[in-house]
C-alpha cells in the first residue's frame, strides 16, 4: 500500500531501552507499507536485529518526509527545535499518559499512523522563539525555544530586578523570582503554573508571565508575534536564562536579554479526530459534567 511519506525517521527517547519493542513494531509496520525507515544515531542502539540506515538529526532533516518521535513531551521539544529549520513534519507517540505534544498512544499507534499515512490528518504550525544575551557589544548566548524562555533567580538567591521593554518602549520594572516569555505551546507548561493564560496553539502570540512578582499588579500580558521583548538586568543574584529548561546561561548585571519570534516553525501532524479542547480536559482534569447527562439523573 502506498503512502504519502516515502522516508520516515524513527526517533526515541534517549537512554531508554523500553522503546525497543514499540520501535521495532513501528519499523515492521512501515516496511509492510513499503516505507523507507531511518533511525537517528542515538536511537539506533536500542533497535536490535534491524539494519536501518543510521543518520544524524541534520541528515534526517535533509532526507526524511516525516519524523515519528516516541517518548514524552520533553523528547518532542528537543527534536522539534532541532528539525524546525528543515520543516520536517512531526508525529508524537507517548509511552505513558498522553502529552500535549505527544498525543498518540502506543496501544493504537499503528491504526492511527495508518490513517495519517493515507492522508487523513490535521496539520498544525507552531511558532518558536529566539533568545539572545548581549553583554556590552557582544552576543554571548543564543537559543531557540518551543515552549518558553525564562529568566529566573539563582538557587538560594533573592529576587532579581530588571526592566522590560517591548519594541523599544519601556513597559515596567520588575522585582520577582523571574519572568517567563512563552509561546502558545508553552502556555500550558511553566507559564500556566505561574498564573499565565492558556493560548490556543493556532494563535501566533507571545505571553509575558511574571514569576512571584513583588508587586501584585504585575500581571501577565500578551503581545503580538512580531514584538521584540528586551529584558535589561539590574540585580541578578545568580540569575540564569533558560530555553525550554534545556539551554541555559548565567546572567550578569547590565546584560540584555532579547527575545523575538524565530523565523522557523514546527509542523505537527495529528489524527483527523484530534481535539485540542478534549486534550485540555484530559490533561488538566477539567470536569466532564454535561447538561445532557444531568437531565437524566434520577430524582429523589
C-alpha atoms as a PDB file:
ATOM      1  CA  UNK A   1       0.000   0.000   0.000  1.00  0.00           C
ATOM      2  CA  UNK A   2       1.372   3.413  -0.977  1.00  0.00           C
ATOM      3  CA  UNK A   3       1.972   6.218   1.497  1.00  0.00           C
ATOM      4  CA  UNK A   4       2.279   9.975   1.175  1.00  0.00           C
ATOM      5  CA  UNK A   5       5.549   9.672   3.116  1.00  0.00           C
ATOM      6  CA  UNK A   6       8.357   7.747   1.409  1.00  0.00           C
ATOM      7  CA  UNK A   7      11.080   8.032   4.059  1.00  0.00           C
ATOM      8  CA  UNK A   8      10.226   8.184   7.764  1.00  0.00           C
ATOM      9  CA  UNK A   9      12.631   8.689  10.652  1.00  0.00           C
ATOM     10  CA  UNK A  10      12.089   6.925  13.974  1.00  0.00           C
ATOM     11  CA  UNK A  11      13.390   8.858  16.962  1.00  0.00           C
ATOM     12  CA  UNK A  12      13.084   7.539  20.509  1.00  0.00           C
ATOM     13  CA  UNK A  13      13.716   8.875  23.977  1.00  0.00           C
ATOM     14  CA  UNK A  14      17.434   8.554  24.571  1.00  0.00           C
ATOM     15  CA  UNK A  15      18.822   6.146  27.162  1.00  0.00           C
ATOM     16  CA  UNK A  16      15.508   4.300  27.432  1.00  0.00           C
ATOM     17  CA  UNK A  17      15.725   0.598  26.442  1.00  0.00           C
ATOM     18  CA  UNK A  18      11.931   0.248  26.775  1.00  0.00           C
ATOM     19  CA  UNK A  19      11.489   1.961  23.425  1.00  0.00           C
ATOM     20  CA  UNK A  20      12.977  -1.010  21.507  1.00  0.00           C
ATOM     21  CA  UNK A  21       9.797  -3.102  21.271  1.00  0.00           C
ATOM     22  CA  UNK A  22       7.476  -0.317  20.041  1.00  0.00           C
ATOM     23  CA  UNK A  23      10.148   0.989  17.662  1.00  0.00           C
ATOM     24  CA  UNK A  24      10.510  -2.475  16.127  1.00  0.00           C
ATOM     25  CA  UNK A  25       6.733  -2.672  15.718  1.00  0.00           C
ATOM     26  CA  UNK A  26       6.743   0.681  14.015  1.00  0.00           C
ATOM     27  CA  UNK A  27       9.599  -0.302  11.736  1.00  0.00           C
ATOM     28  CA  UNK A  28       7.978  -3.576  10.726  1.00  0.00           C
ATOM     29  CA  UNK A  29       4.670  -1.837  10.053  1.00  0.00           C
ATOM     30  CA  UNK A  30       6.303   0.773   7.851  1.00  0.00           C
ATOM     31  CA  UNK A  31       8.189  -1.906   5.958  1.00  0.00           C
ATOM     32  CA  UNK A  32       4.830  -3.584   5.246  1.00  0.00           C
ATOM     33  CA  UNK A  33       3.712  -0.244   3.802  1.00  0.00           C
ATOM     34  CA  UNK A  34       6.869  -0.084   1.659  1.00  0.00           C
ATOM     35  CA  UNK A  35       8.128   2.961   3.517  1.00  0.00           C
ATOM     36  CA  UNK A  36      11.869   3.508   3.945  1.00  0.00           C
ATOM     37  CA  UNK A  37      12.841   3.639   7.615  1.00  0.00           C
ATOM     38  CA  UNK A  38      15.804   5.549   9.071  1.00  0.00           C
ATOM     39  CA  UNK A  39      16.934   5.903  12.689  1.00  0.00           C
ATOM     40  CA  UNK A  40      18.654   8.735  14.475  1.00  0.00           C
ATOM     41  CA  UNK A  41      22.086   7.856  15.789  1.00  0.00           C
ATOM     42  CA  UNK A  42      21.100   7.973  19.473  1.00  0.00           C
ATOM     43  CA  UNK A  43      18.012   5.790  18.978  1.00  0.00           C
ATOM     44  CA  UNK A  44      19.750   3.137  16.879  1.00  0.00           C
ATOM     45  CA  UNK A  45      21.480   1.292  19.787  1.00  0.00           C
ATOM     46  CA  UNK A  46      18.023   0.398  21.189  1.00  0.00           C
ATOM     47  CA  UNK A  47      16.818  -1.218  17.938  1.00  0.00           C
ATOM     48  CA  UNK A  48      18.476  -4.593  17.596  1.00  0.00           C
ATOM     49  CA  UNK A  49      18.092  -7.039  14.751  1.00  0.00           C
ATOM     50  CA  UNK A  50      17.235  -4.473  12.073  1.00  0.00           C
ATOM     51  CA  UNK A  51      19.705  -2.788   9.728  1.00  0.00           C
ATOM     52  CA  UNK A  52      18.014   0.512   9.146  1.00  0.00           C
ATOM     53  CA  UNK A  53      20.198   3.408   7.974  1.00  0.00           C
ATOM     54  CA  UNK A  54      21.501   5.471  10.905  1.00  0.00           C
ATOM     55  CA  UNK A  55      21.531   9.246  10.452  1.00  0.00           C
ATOM     56  CA  UNK A  56      22.259  12.365  12.447  1.00  0.00           C
ATOM     57  CA  UNK A  57      19.375  14.746  13.100  1.00  0.00           C
ATOM     58  CA  UNK A  58      20.726  17.107  10.439  1.00  0.00           C
ATOM     59  CA  UNK A  59      20.787  14.242   7.938  1.00  0.00           C
ATOM     60  CA  UNK A  60      17.249  13.282   8.960  1.00  0.00           C
ATOM     61  CA  UNK A  61      16.203  16.875   8.361  1.00  0.00           C
ATOM     62  CA  UNK A  62      17.595  16.718   4.834  1.00  0.00           C
ATOM     63  CA  UNK A  63      16.207  13.280   3.891  1.00  0.00           C
ATOM     64  CA  UNK A  64      13.067  12.409   5.880  1.00  0.00           C
ATOM     65  CA  UNK A  65       9.499  13.191   4.790  1.00  0.00           C
ATOM     66  CA  UNK A  66       8.245  12.640   8.353  1.00  0.00           C
ATOM     67  CA  UNK A  67       9.719  12.048  11.812  1.00  0.00           C
ATOM     68  CA  UNK A  68       7.929   9.923  14.420  1.00  0.00           C
ATOM     69  CA  UNK A  69       9.035  10.764  17.956  1.00  0.00           C
ATOM     70  CA  UNK A  70       8.494   8.138  20.653  1.00  0.00           C
ATOM     71  CA  UNK A  71       8.817   9.391  24.226  1.00  0.00           C
ATOM     72  CA  UNK A  72       7.316  12.302  26.124  1.00  0.00           C
ATOM     73  CA  UNK A  73       6.827  15.996  25.556  1.00  0.00           C
ATOM     74  CA  UNK A  74      10.408  16.689  26.644  1.00  0.00           C
ATOM     75  CA  UNK A  75      11.738  14.464  23.875  1.00  0.00           C
ATOM     76  CA  UNK A  76       9.461  16.173  21.353  1.00  0.00           C
ATOM     77  CA  UNK A  77      10.600  19.633  22.476  1.00  0.00           C
ATOM     78  CA  UNK A  78      14.212  18.742  21.816  1.00  0.00           C
ATOM     79  CA  UNK A  79      13.589  17.127  18.436  1.00  0.00           C
ATOM     80  CA  UNK A  80      11.230  19.889  17.302  1.00  0.00           C
ATOM     81  CA  UNK A  81      13.861  22.572  17.940  1.00  0.00           C
ATOM     82  CA  UNK A  82      16.495  20.604  16.028  1.00  0.00           C
ATOM     83  CA  UNK A  83      14.332  19.767  12.993  1.00  0.00           C
ATOM     84  CA  UNK A  84      12.432  23.068  12.721  1.00  0.00           C
ATOM     85  CA  UNK A  85      14.930  24.602  10.255  1.00  0.00           C
ATOM     86  CA  UNK A  86      14.254  21.666   7.900  1.00  0.00           C
ATOM     87  CA  UNK A  87      10.429  21.887   8.150  1.00  0.00           C
ATOM     88  CA  UNK A  88      10.107  18.125   8.697  1.00  0.00           C
ATOM     89  CA  UNK A  89       6.588  17.258   9.966  1.00  0.00           C
ATOM     90  CA  UNK A  90       6.476  15.512  13.349  1.00  0.00           C
ATOM     91  CA  UNK A  91       4.172  12.950  14.947  1.00  0.00           C
ATOM     92  CA  UNK A  92       4.459  12.278  18.679  1.00  0.00           C
ATOM     93  CA  UNK A  93       3.780   8.959  20.426  1.00  0.00           C
ATOM     94  CA  UNK A  94       3.748   8.937  24.210  1.00  0.00           C
ATOM     95  CA  UNK A  95       4.924   5.916  26.182  1.00  0.00           C
ATOM     96  CA  UNK A  96       2.697   6.670  29.152  1.00  0.00           C
ATOM     97  CA  UNK A  97      -0.001   9.261  29.606  1.00  0.00           C
ATOM     98  CA  UNK A  98      -0.825  11.266  26.520  1.00  0.00           C
ATOM     99  CA  UNK A  99       1.057  14.533  26.361  1.00  0.00           C
ATOM    100  CA  UNK A 100       0.322  17.968  24.996  1.00  0.00           C
ATOM    101  CA  UNK A 101       2.676  17.311  22.065  1.00  0.00           C
ATOM    102  CA  UNK A 102       2.996  13.522  22.004  1.00  0.00           C
ATOM    103  CA  UNK A 103      -0.699  12.815  21.663  1.00  0.00           C
ATOM    104  CA  UNK A 104      -0.781   9.329  20.133  1.00  0.00           C
ATOM    105  CA  UNK A 105      -0.974   6.206  22.290  1.00  0.00           C
ATOM    106  CA  UNK A 106       1.324   3.208  21.832  1.00  0.00           C
ATOM    107  CA  UNK A 107      -1.728   0.945  22.049  1.00  0.00           C
ATOM    108  CA  UNK A 108      -3.393   2.485  18.985  1.00  0.00           C
ATOM    109  CA  UNK A 109      -0.379   3.933  17.169  1.00  0.00           C
ATOM    110  CA  UNK A 110      -0.416   1.588  14.154  1.00  0.00           C
ATOM    111  CA  UNK A 111      -4.064   2.208  13.372  1.00  0.00           C
ATOM    112  CA  UNK A 112      -3.687   5.964  13.774  1.00  0.00           C
ATOM    113  CA  UNK A 113      -0.457   6.142  11.804  1.00  0.00           C
ATOM    114  CA  UNK A 114      -2.077   4.133   9.012  1.00  0.00           C
ATOM    115  CA  UNK A 115      -4.691   6.856   8.635  1.00  0.00           C
ATOM    116  CA  UNK A 116      -2.018   9.551   8.715  1.00  0.00           C
ATOM    117  CA  UNK A 117      -0.015   7.738   6.034  1.00  0.00           C
ATOM    118  CA  UNK A 118      -3.180   7.691   3.915  1.00  0.00           C
ATOM    119  CA  UNK A 119      -3.513  11.463   4.219  1.00  0.00           C
ATOM    120  CA  UNK A 120      -6.127  11.616   6.984  1.00  0.00           C
ATOM    121  CA  UNK A 121      -4.519  14.058   9.392  1.00  0.00           C
ATOM    122  CA  UNK A 122      -4.578  17.614  10.745  1.00  0.00           C
ATOM    123  CA  UNK A 123      -1.557  19.886  10.338  1.00  0.00           C
ATOM    124  CA  UNK A 124      -0.562  22.473  12.950  1.00  0.00           C
ATOM    125  CA  UNK A 125       2.069  25.169  12.613  1.00  0.00           C
ATOM    126  CA  UNK A 126       3.605  26.178  15.944  1.00  0.00           C
ATOM    127  CA  UNK A 127       5.811  29.224  16.497  1.00  0.00           C
ATOM    128  CA  UNK A 128       9.254  29.212  18.106  1.00  0.00           C
ATOM    129  CA  UNK A 129      11.127  31.913  19.991  1.00  0.00           C
ATOM    130  CA  UNK A 130      14.723  33.033  19.538  1.00  0.00           C
ATOM    131  CA  UNK A 131      16.633  34.294  22.572  1.00  0.00           C
ATOM    132  CA  UNK A 132      19.924  36.161  22.728  1.00  0.00           C
ATOM    133  CA  UNK A 133      22.051  37.536  25.580  1.00  0.00           C
ATOM    134  CA  UNK A 134      24.023  40.698  24.824  1.00  0.00           C
ATOM    135  CA  UNK A 135      26.786  41.907  27.145  1.00  0.00           C
ATOM    136  CA  UNK A 136      28.164  45.230  26.097  1.00  0.00           C
ATOM    137  CA  UNK A 137      28.531  44.860  22.335  1.00  0.00           C
ATOM    138  CA  UNK A 138      28.975  41.096  22.361  1.00  0.00           C
ATOM    139  CA  UNK A 139      26.372  38.403  21.776  1.00  0.00           C
ATOM    140  CA  UNK A 140      27.293  35.671  24.265  1.00  0.00           C
ATOM    141  CA  UNK A 141      24.364  33.239  24.054  1.00  0.00           C
ATOM    142  CA  UNK A 142      21.592  32.308  21.650  1.00  0.00           C
ATOM    143  CA  UNK A 143      18.971  29.582  21.657  1.00  0.00           C
ATOM    144  CA  UNK A 144      15.594  28.612  20.273  1.00  0.00           C
ATOM    145  CA  UNK A 145      12.602  27.755  22.441  1.00  0.00           C
ATOM    146  CA  UNK A 146       9.447  25.833  21.578  1.00  0.00           C
ATOM    147  CA  UNK A 147       7.823  26.306  24.998  1.00  0.00           C
ATOM    148  CA  UNK A 148       9.382  29.323  26.650  1.00  0.00           C
ATOM    149  CA  UNK A 149      12.349  31.452  27.555  1.00  0.00           C
ATOM    150  CA  UNK A 150      12.619  32.133  31.294  1.00  0.00           C
ATOM    151  CA  UNK A 151      14.809  34.463  33.319  1.00  0.00           C
ATOM    152  CA  UNK A 152      14.960  33.134  36.890  1.00  0.00           C
ATOM    153  CA  UNK A 153      16.739  33.943  40.120  1.00  0.00           C
ATOM    154  CA  UNK A 154      19.627  31.751  41.229  1.00  0.00           C
ATOM    155  CA  UNK A 155      19.302  28.912  43.705  1.00  0.00           C
ATOM    156  CA  UNK A 156      19.140  30.406  47.190  1.00  0.00           C
ATOM    157  CA  UNK A 157      19.330  33.939  45.805  1.00  0.00           C
ATOM    158  CA  UNK A 158      16.923  36.795  46.341  1.00  0.00           C
ATOM    159  CA  UNK A 159      14.597  38.362  43.838  1.00  0.00           C
ATOM    160  CA  UNK A 160      16.014  39.550  40.544  1.00  0.00           C
ATOM    161  CA  UNK A 161      15.415  43.088  39.305  1.00  0.00           C
ATOM    162  CA  UNK A 162      15.106  44.061  35.659  1.00  0.00           C
ATOM    163  CA  UNK A 163      13.429  46.362  33.159  1.00  0.00           C
ATOM    164  CA  UNK A 164      11.132  45.106  30.418  1.00  0.00           C
ATOM    165  CA  UNK A 165      10.950  46.876  27.054  1.00  0.00           C
ATOM    166  CA  UNK A 166       8.688  45.885  24.155  1.00  0.00           C
ATOM    167  CA  UNK A 167       9.507  47.133  20.659  1.00  0.00           C
ATOM    168  CA  UNK A 168      11.917  49.628  22.183  1.00  0.00           C
ATOM    169  CA  UNK A 169       9.363  51.121  24.594  1.00  0.00           C
ATOM    170  CA  UNK A 170       9.805  50.896  28.362  1.00  0.00           C
ATOM    171  CA  UNK A 171       6.947  48.848  29.891  1.00  0.00           C
ATOM    172  CA  UNK A 172       7.824  48.253  33.557  1.00  0.00           C
ATOM    173  CA  UNK A 173      10.491  47.452  36.100  1.00  0.00           C
ATOM    174  CA  UNK A 174      10.038  44.217  37.995  1.00  0.00           C
ATOM    175  CA  UNK A 175      11.275  42.611  41.182  1.00  0.00           C
ATOM    176  CA  UNK A 176      10.348  38.937  41.062  1.00  0.00           C
ATOM    177  CA  UNK A 177      11.595  35.385  41.071  1.00  0.00           C
ATOM    178  CA  UNK A 178      11.670  35.665  37.293  1.00  0.00           C
ATOM    179  CA  UNK A 179       9.833  36.254  34.032  1.00  0.00           C
ATOM    180  CA  UNK A 180       8.569  33.687  31.523  1.00  0.00           C
ATOM    181  CA  UNK A 181       8.221  34.548  27.857  1.00  0.00           C
ATOM    182  CA  UNK A 182       6.045  31.799  26.394  1.00  0.00           C
ATOM    183  CA  UNK A 183       4.680  30.680  23.051  1.00  0.00           C
ATOM    184  CA  UNK A 184       1.104  29.357  22.805  1.00  0.00           C
ATOM    185  CA  UNK A 185       2.632  25.864  23.033  1.00  0.00           C
ATOM    186  CA  UNK A 186       4.386  26.838  26.259  1.00  0.00           C
ATOM    187  CA  UNK A 187       1.293  28.487  27.710  1.00  0.00           C
ATOM    188  CA  UNK A 188       0.295  25.107  29.185  1.00  0.00           C
ATOM    189  CA  UNK A 189       3.735  24.488  30.715  1.00  0.00           C
ATOM    190  CA  UNK A 190       5.752  26.623  33.191  1.00  0.00           C
ATOM    191  CA  UNK A 191       3.734  29.734  32.338  1.00  0.00           C
ATOM    192  CA  UNK A 192       0.462  28.043  33.329  1.00  0.00           C
ATOM    193  CA  UNK A 193       1.811  27.110  36.770  1.00  0.00           C
ATOM    194  CA  UNK A 194       2.729  30.783  37.271  1.00  0.00           C
ATOM    195  CA  UNK A 195      -0.778  32.032  36.518  1.00  0.00           C
ATOM    196  CA  UNK A 196      -0.438  32.706  32.807  1.00  0.00           C
ATOM    197  CA  UNK A 197      -3.270  32.362  30.267  1.00  0.00           C
ATOM    198  CA  UNK A 198      -3.848  29.327  28.053  1.00  0.00           C
ATOM    199  CA  UNK A 199      -3.308  30.355  24.419  1.00  0.00           C
ATOM    200  CA  UNK A 200      -4.726  28.232  21.622  1.00  0.00           C
ATOM    201  CA  UNK A 201      -1.836  26.795  19.552  1.00  0.00           C
ATOM    202  CA  UNK A 202      -3.314  28.166  16.313  1.00  0.00           C
ATOM    203  CA  UNK A 203      -2.511  31.684  17.574  1.00  0.00           C
ATOM    204  CA  UNK A 204       0.793  33.430  16.970  1.00  0.00           C
ATOM    205  CA  UNK A 205       1.214  35.359  20.222  1.00  0.00           C
ATOM    206  CA  UNK A 206       3.790  35.826  22.968  1.00  0.00           C
ATOM    207  CA  UNK A 207       2.877  35.790  26.680  1.00  0.00           C
ATOM    208  CA  UNK A 208       4.946  37.527  29.372  1.00  0.00           C
ATOM    209  CA  UNK A 209       4.268  35.926  32.752  1.00  0.00           C
ATOM    210  CA  UNK A 210       5.960  37.204  35.952  1.00  0.00           C
ATOM    211  CA  UNK A 211       7.040  34.570  38.486  1.00  0.00           C
ATOM    212  CA  UNK A 212       6.090  35.563  42.058  1.00  0.00           C
ATOM    213  CA  UNK A 213       6.310  39.337  41.453  1.00  0.00           C
ATOM    214  CA  UNK A 214       6.911  41.618  44.437  1.00  0.00           C
ATOM    215  CA  UNK A 215       4.105  43.886  43.230  1.00  0.00           C
ATOM    216  CA  UNK A 216       0.817  42.052  42.699  1.00  0.00           C
ATOM    217  CA  UNK A 217      -0.233  44.490  39.979  1.00  0.00           C
ATOM    218  CA  UNK A 218       2.417  42.999  37.694  1.00  0.00           C
ATOM    219  CA  UNK A 219       0.148  40.696  35.728  1.00  0.00           C
ATOM    220  CA  UNK A 220       0.689  38.533  32.626  1.00  0.00           C
ATOM    221  CA  UNK A 221       0.377  40.340  29.319  1.00  0.00           C
ATOM    222  CA  UNK A 222       0.077  39.007  25.773  1.00  0.00           C
ATOM    223  CA  UNK A 223       1.698  40.717  22.801  1.00  0.00           C
ATOM    224  CA  UNK A 224       1.774  40.142  19.057  1.00  0.00           C
ATOM    225  CA  UNK A 225       4.043  37.621  17.344  1.00  0.00           C
ATOM    226  CA  UNK A 226       6.402  40.231  15.893  1.00  0.00           C
ATOM    227  CA  UNK A 227       7.050  42.015  19.192  1.00  0.00           C
ATOM    228  CA  UNK A 228      10.647  42.272  20.358  1.00  0.00           C
ATOM    229  CA  UNK A 229      10.973  41.778  24.123  1.00  0.00           C
ATOM    230  CA  UNK A 230      14.079  43.155  25.846  1.00  0.00           C
ATOM    231  CA  UNK A 231      14.983  42.461  29.466  1.00  0.00           C
ATOM    232  CA  UNK A 232      17.680  44.663  30.981  1.00  0.00           C
ATOM    233  CA  UNK A 233      19.138  43.061  34.091  1.00  0.00           C
ATOM    234  CA  UNK A 234      19.849  45.222  37.163  1.00  0.00           C
ATOM    235  CA  UNK A 235      20.166  42.825  40.112  1.00  0.00           C
ATOM    236  CA  UNK A 236      20.919  39.265  39.172  1.00  0.00           C
ATOM    237  CA  UNK A 237      21.643  37.223  42.352  1.00  0.00           C
ATOM    238  CA  UNK A 238      22.959  34.361  40.240  1.00  0.00           C
ATOM    239  CA  UNK A 239      20.124  34.655  37.707  1.00  0.00           C
ATOM    240  CA  UNK A 240      20.009  32.476  34.620  1.00  0.00           C
ATOM    241  CA  UNK A 241      18.218  32.411  31.314  1.00  0.00           C
ATOM    242  CA  UNK A 242      16.667  29.059  30.387  1.00  0.00           C
ATOM    243  CA  UNK A 243      15.396  27.991  26.978  1.00  0.00           C
ATOM    244  CA  UNK A 244      12.822  25.185  27.311  1.00  0.00           C
ATOM    245  CA  UNK A 245      14.575  24.270  30.589  1.00  0.00           C
ATOM    246  CA  UNK A 246      17.300  22.894  28.337  1.00  0.00           C
ATOM    247  CA  UNK A 247      19.834  25.509  27.240  1.00  0.00           C
ATOM    248  CA  UNK A 248      20.883  27.970  29.929  1.00  0.00           C
ATOM    249  CA  UNK A 249      23.301  30.824  30.554  1.00  0.00           C
ATOM    250  CA  UNK A 250      24.371  32.741  33.679  1.00  0.00           C
ATOM    251  CA  UNK A 251      23.391  36.406  33.643  1.00  0.00           C
ATOM    252  CA  UNK A 252      25.280  39.433  34.989  1.00  0.00           C
ATOM    253  CA  UNK A 253      24.117  42.923  35.846  1.00  0.00           C
ATOM    254  CA  UNK A 254      23.574  45.097  32.745  1.00  0.00           C
ATOM    255  CA  UNK A 255      23.098  42.054  30.497  1.00  0.00           C
ATOM    256  CA  UNK A 256      20.352  42.476  27.930  1.00  0.00           C
ATOM    257  CA  UNK A 257      18.143  39.520  27.018  1.00  0.00           C
ATOM    258  CA  UNK A 258      16.406  39.868  23.645  1.00  0.00           C
ATOM    259  CA  UNK A 259      13.525  37.562  22.726  1.00  0.00           C
ATOM    260  CA  UNK A 260      11.758  37.611  19.402  1.00  0.00           C
ATOM    261  CA  UNK A 261       9.880  35.269  17.126  1.00  0.00           C
ATOM    262  CA  UNK A 262      12.054  32.687  15.387  1.00  0.00           C
ATOM    263  CA  UNK A 263      11.965  32.543  11.587  1.00  0.00           C
ATOM    264  CA  UNK A 264      11.340  28.795  11.887  1.00  0.00           C
ATOM    265  CA  UNK A 265       8.138  26.983  12.825  1.00  0.00           C
ATOM    266  CA  UNK A 266       7.330  23.458  13.974  1.00  0.00           C
ATOM    267  CA  UNK A 267       4.933  21.385  11.875  1.00  0.00           C
ATOM    268  CA  UNK A 268       2.935  18.837  13.905  1.00  0.00           C
ATOM    269  CA  UNK A 269       0.620  16.207  12.433  1.00  0.00           C
ATOM    270  CA  UNK A 270      -2.372  14.879  14.405  1.00  0.00           C
ATOM    271  CA  UNK A 271      -5.040  12.292  13.708  1.00  0.00           C
ATOM    272  CA  UNK A 272      -8.102  13.614  11.873  1.00  0.00           C
ATOM    273  CA  UNK A 273     -10.216  13.372  15.065  1.00  0.00           C
ATOM    274  CA  UNK A 274      -7.719  15.299  17.204  1.00  0.00           C
ATOM    275  CA  UNK A 275      -9.342  17.809  19.572  1.00  0.00           C
ATOM    276  CA  UNK A 276      -7.269  20.390  21.441  1.00  0.00           C
ATOM    277  CA  UNK A 277     -10.068  21.002  23.933  1.00  0.00           C
ATOM    278  CA  UNK A 278     -10.518  17.293  24.648  1.00  0.00           C
ATOM    279  CA  UNK A 279      -6.790  17.087  25.276  1.00  0.00           C
ATOM    280  CA  UNK A 280      -7.022  20.020  27.706  1.00  0.00           C
ATOM    281  CA  UNK A 281      -9.866  18.309  29.585  1.00  0.00           C
ATOM    282  CA  UNK A 282      -7.864  15.111  29.908  1.00  0.00           C
ATOM    283  CA  UNK A 283      -4.531  16.686  30.839  1.00  0.00           C
ATOM    284  CA  UNK A 284      -5.857  19.376  33.186  1.00  0.00           C
ATOM    285  CA  UNK A 285      -8.598  17.293  34.803  1.00  0.00           C
ATOM    286  CA  UNK A 286     -11.414  19.591  33.800  1.00  0.00           C
ATOM    287  CA  UNK A 287     -14.905  18.415  34.694  1.00  0.00           C
ATOM    288  CA  UNK A 288     -16.659  16.065  32.316  1.00  0.00           C
ATOM    289  CA  UNK A 289     -20.085  17.171  33.574  1.00  0.00           C
ATOM    290  CA  UNK A 290     -22.596  17.738  30.797  1.00  0.00           C
ATOM    291  CA  UNK A 291     -26.160  19.023  30.720  1.00  0.00           C
ATOM    292  CA  UNK A 292     -27.277  16.042  28.671  1.00  0.00           C
ATOM    293  CA  UNK A 293     -26.163  13.689  31.450  1.00  0.00           C
ATOM    294  CA  UNK A 294     -27.596  15.914  34.162  1.00  0.00           C
ATOM    295  CA  UNK A 295     -31.152  15.891  32.810  1.00  0.00           C
ATOM    296  CA  UNK A 296     -31.179  12.088  33.011  1.00  0.00           C
ATOM    297  CA  UNK A 297     -30.197  11.951  36.679  1.00  0.00           C
ATOM    298  CA  UNK A 298     -32.774  10.107  38.805  1.00  0.00           C
ATOM    299  CA  UNK A 299     -34.897  12.257  41.079  1.00  0.00           C
ATOM    300  CA  UNK A 300     -35.100  11.799  44.858  1.00  0.00           C
END
